[in-house]
Amino acid sequence: MHDLKHKVFVKSNYYEVVLHSDMEDGGYWVECPALPSCVSQGDTEEEALIMIKDAIEGHLEVAAKRHKKVAQ
């Protein structure tokens, strides 16, 4: 399988993600290039895409909290 690009909608924005086959363990892993180190995985393509949405939300929440602490 080739890497597949998708767009996911999270917190009123679209993020491009790249879905990869996990050749070692089976299933899929997915990354969001716009958010370094934001990755997830799933047994199916659908599950991996759902999981990356959750990972993106968490990444954005942590970034917002860190920004608020720095700004204070």
N, C-alpha and C. Protein backbone atom coordinates (compact mmCIF):
# COMPACT_ATOMS: atom_id res chain seq x y z
N MET A 1 0.84 -1.19 0.00
CA MET A 1 0.00 0.00 0.00
C MET A 1 0.88 1.24 0.00
N HIS A 2 0.49 2.19 -0.78
CA HIS A 2 1.18 3.48 -0.79
C HIS A 2 0.66 4.32 0.36
N ASP A 3 1.45 5.30 0.76
CA ASP A 3 1.00 6.23 1.79
C ASP A 3 -0.20 7.00 1.24
N LEU A 4 -1.23 7.12 2.04
CA LEU A 4 -2.45 7.81 1.62
C LEU A 4 -2.62 9.09 2.39
N LYS A 5 -2.84 10.19 1.68
CA LYS A 5 -3.09 11.47 2.33
C LYS A 5 -4.60 11.64 2.53
N HIS A 6 -4.96 12.14 3.69
CA HIS A 6 -6.35 12.42 4.03
C HIS A 6 -6.39 13.79 4.69
N LYS A 7 -7.58 14.37 4.74
CA LYS A 7 -7.78 15.59 5.52
C LYS A 7 -8.79 15.25 6.60
N VAL A 8 -8.47 15.64 7.83
CA VAL A 8 -9.39 15.43 8.95
C VAL A 8 -9.76 16.79 9.52
N PHE A 9 -10.99 16.88 10.00
CA PHE A 9 -11.51 18.13 10.55
C PHE A 9 -11.48 18.06 12.07
N VAL A 10 -10.73 18.98 12.68
CA VAL A 10 -10.59 19.02 14.14
C VAL A 10 -10.63 20.48 14.59
N LYS A 11 -11.52 20.78 15.52
CA LYS A 11 -11.61 22.13 16.11
C LYS A 11 -11.65 23.22 15.04
N SER A 12 -12.56 23.09 14.11
CA SER A 12 -12.84 24.05 13.03
C SER A 12 -11.69 24.26 12.04
N ASN A 13 -10.78 23.31 11.94
CA ASN A 13 -9.70 23.36 10.95
C ASN A 13 -9.51 21.99 10.31
N TYR A 14 -9.04 22.01 9.08
CA TYR A 14 -8.67 20.77 8.41
C TYR A 14 -7.17 20.56 8.55
N TYR A 15 -6.79 19.33 8.83
CA TYR A 15 -5.38 18.95 8.94
C TYR A 15 -5.11 17.82 7.97
N GLU A 16 -4.01 17.94 7.22
CA GLU A 16 -3.61 16.86 6.33
C GLU A 16 -2.89 15.82 7.17
N VAL A 17 -3.26 14.57 6.98
CA VAL A 17 -2.61 13.46 7.67
C VAL A 17 -2.18 12.44 6.62
N VAL A 18 -1.19 11.65 6.98
CA VAL A 18 -0.68 10.62 6.06
C VAL A 18 -0.83 9.27 6.74
N LEU A 19 -1.54 8.37 6.06
CA LEU A 19 -1.82 7.03 6.57
C LEU A 19 -0.80 6.06 5.97
N HIS A 20 -0.20 5.25 6.82
CA HIS A 20 0.82 4.28 6.39
C HIS A 20 0.42 2.87 6.85
N SER A 21 0.75 1.87 6.04
CA SER A 21 0.59 0.48 6.48
C SER A 21 1.69 0.17 7.49
N ASP A 22 1.32 -0.54 8.54
CA ASP A 22 2.32 -0.98 9.52
C ASP A 22 2.75 -2.38 9.10
N MET A 23 3.84 -2.46 8.38
CA MET A 23 4.29 -3.73 7.81
C MET A 23 4.76 -4.71 8.88
N GLU A 24 5.24 -4.20 10.01
CA GLU A 24 5.74 -5.06 11.08
C GLU A 24 4.62 -5.68 11.89
N ASP A 25 3.72 -4.85 12.38
CA ASP A 25 2.69 -5.30 13.31
C ASP A 25 1.30 -5.45 12.70
N GLY A 26 1.13 -5.05 11.45
CA GLY A 26 -0.19 -5.05 10.84
C GLY A 26 -0.92 -3.78 11.24
N GLY A 27 -2.03 -3.51 10.62
CA GLY A 27 -2.77 -2.29 10.92
C GLY A 27 -2.15 -1.10 10.23
N TYR A 28 -2.37 0.07 10.82
CA TYR A 28 -1.94 1.31 10.19
C TYR A 28 -1.40 2.28 11.23
N TRP A 29 -0.51 3.14 10.80
CA TRP A 29 -0.10 4.26 11.63
C TRP A 29 -0.30 5.51 10.80
N VAL A 30 -0.54 6.61 11.49
CA VAL A 30 -0.90 7.86 10.80
C VAL A 30 -0.19 9.03 11.48
N GLU A 31 0.24 9.99 10.68
CA GLU A 31 0.94 11.15 11.19
C GLU A 31 0.31 12.43 10.66
N CYS A 32 0.50 13.51 11.40
CA CYS A 32 0.05 14.84 10.99
C CYS A 32 1.30 15.69 10.79
N PRO A 33 1.76 15.86 9.55
CA PRO A 33 3.01 16.59 9.31
C PRO A 33 3.02 18.02 9.86
N ALA A 34 1.88 18.67 9.94
CA ALA A 34 1.82 20.05 10.44
C ALA A 34 2.08 20.14 11.94
N LEU A 35 1.93 19.01 12.64
CA LEU A 35 2.12 18.98 14.08
C LEU A 35 3.18 17.92 14.40
N PRO A 36 4.45 18.33 14.43
CA PRO A 36 5.53 17.36 14.65
C PRO A 36 5.28 16.47 15.87
N SER A 37 5.57 15.23 15.73
CA SER A 37 5.42 14.18 16.73
C SER A 37 3.97 13.82 17.04
N CYS A 38 3.04 14.30 16.24
CA CYS A 38 1.63 13.95 16.42
C CYS A 38 1.32 12.74 15.53
N VAL A 39 1.31 11.55 16.15
CA VAL A 39 1.09 10.31 15.43
C VAL A 39 0.12 9.44 16.21
N SER A 40 -0.47 8.48 15.51
CA SER A 40 -1.34 7.52 16.17
C SER A 40 -1.38 6.25 15.33
N GLN A 41 -2.20 5.30 15.74
CA GLN A 41 -2.29 4.04 15.02
C GLN A 41 -3.67 3.44 15.20
N GLY A 42 -3.95 2.43 14.38
CA GLY A 42 -5.22 1.71 14.50
C GLY A 42 -5.16 0.41 13.72
N ASP A 43 -6.08 -0.49 14.04
CA ASP A 43 -6.13 -1.79 13.35
C ASP A 43 -6.65 -1.65 11.93
N THR A 44 -7.51 -0.64 11.69
CA THR A 44 -8.08 -0.40 10.37
C THR A 44 -7.77 1.05 9.97
N GLU A 45 -7.95 1.35 8.68
CA GLU A 45 -7.76 2.73 8.23
C GLU A 45 -8.70 3.65 8.99
N GLU A 46 -9.96 3.25 9.10
CA GLU A 46 -10.96 4.07 9.78
C GLU A 46 -10.58 4.34 11.23
N GLU A 47 -10.15 3.30 11.94
CA GLU A 47 -9.76 3.47 13.33
C GLU A 47 -8.55 4.39 13.45
N ALA A 48 -7.57 4.24 12.57
CA ALA A 48 -6.39 5.10 12.61
C ALA A 48 -6.76 6.56 12.39
N LEU A 49 -7.69 6.83 11.48
CA LEU A 49 -8.11 8.20 11.22
C LEU A 49 -8.88 8.78 12.41
N ILE A 50 -9.67 7.97 13.07
CA ILE A 50 -10.37 8.43 14.28
C ILE A 50 -9.36 8.74 15.37
N MET A 51 -8.37 7.88 15.52
CA MET A 51 -7.37 8.04 16.57
C MET A 51 -6.49 9.28 16.34
N ILE A 52 -6.17 9.59 15.07
CA ILE A 52 -5.33 10.77 14.82
C ILE A 52 -6.11 12.04 15.13
N LYS A 53 -7.42 12.03 14.93
CA LYS A 53 -8.22 13.20 15.30
C LYS A 53 -8.10 13.45 16.81
N ASP A 54 -8.17 12.40 17.59
CA ASP A 54 -8.02 12.51 19.04
C ASP A 54 -6.62 13.01 19.40
N ALA A 55 -5.61 12.50 18.72
CA ALA A 55 -4.23 12.92 18.97
C ALA A 55 -4.04 14.40 18.62
N ILE A 56 -4.64 14.84 17.53
CA ILE A 56 -4.53 16.25 17.14
C ILE A 56 -5.19 17.13 18.19
N GLU A 57 -6.38 16.74 18.65
CA GLU A 57 -7.07 17.52 19.70
C GLU A 57 -6.19 17.64 20.94
N GLY A 58 -5.62 16.54 21.37
CA GLY A 58 -4.74 16.56 22.53
C GLY A 58 -3.52 17.43 22.31
N HIS A 59 -2.93 17.33 21.15
CA HIS A 59 -1.75 18.13 20.82
C HIS A 59 -2.09 19.62 20.90
N LEU A 60 -3.24 20.01 20.34
CA LEU A 60 -3.65 21.42 20.34
C LEU A 60 -3.94 21.91 21.75
N GLU A 61 -4.56 21.07 22.58
CA GLU A 61 -4.86 21.45 23.96
C GLU A 61 -3.59 21.68 24.77
N VAL A 62 -2.63 20.79 24.62
CA VAL A 62 -1.35 20.94 25.33
C VAL A 62 -0.63 22.19 24.85
N ALA A 63 -0.62 22.43 23.54
CA ALA A 63 0.04 23.62 23.00
C ALA A 63 -0.61 24.89 23.54
N ALA A 64 -1.94 24.90 23.63
CA ALA A 64 -2.65 26.08 24.15
C ALA A 64 -2.31 26.31 25.62
N LYS A 65 -2.25 25.24 26.41
CA LYS A 65 -1.91 25.38 27.83
C LYS A 65 -0.48 25.88 28.00
N ARG A 66 0.43 25.37 27.22
CA ARG A 66 1.83 25.81 27.31
C ARG A 66 1.96 27.27 26.92
N HIS A 67 1.23 27.68 25.90
CA HIS A 67 1.27 29.07 25.46
C HIS A 67 0.75 29.99 26.55
N LYS A 68 -0.32 29.60 27.22
CA LYS A 68 -0.88 30.42 28.29
C LYS A 68 0.11 30.55 29.44
N LYS A 69 0.80 29.47 29.78
CA LYS A 69 1.78 29.52 30.87
C LYS A 69 2.94 30.45 30.51
N VAL A 70 3.38 30.42 29.27
CA VAL A 70 4.49 31.25 28.83
C VAL A 70 4.04 32.71 28.82
N ALA A 71 2.81 32.98 28.43
CA ALA A 71 2.32 34.35 28.31
C ALA A 71 2.10 35.02 29.67
N GLN A 72 1.93 34.27 30.72
CA GLN A 72 1.63 34.85 32.04
C GLN A 72 2.76 35.54 32.65
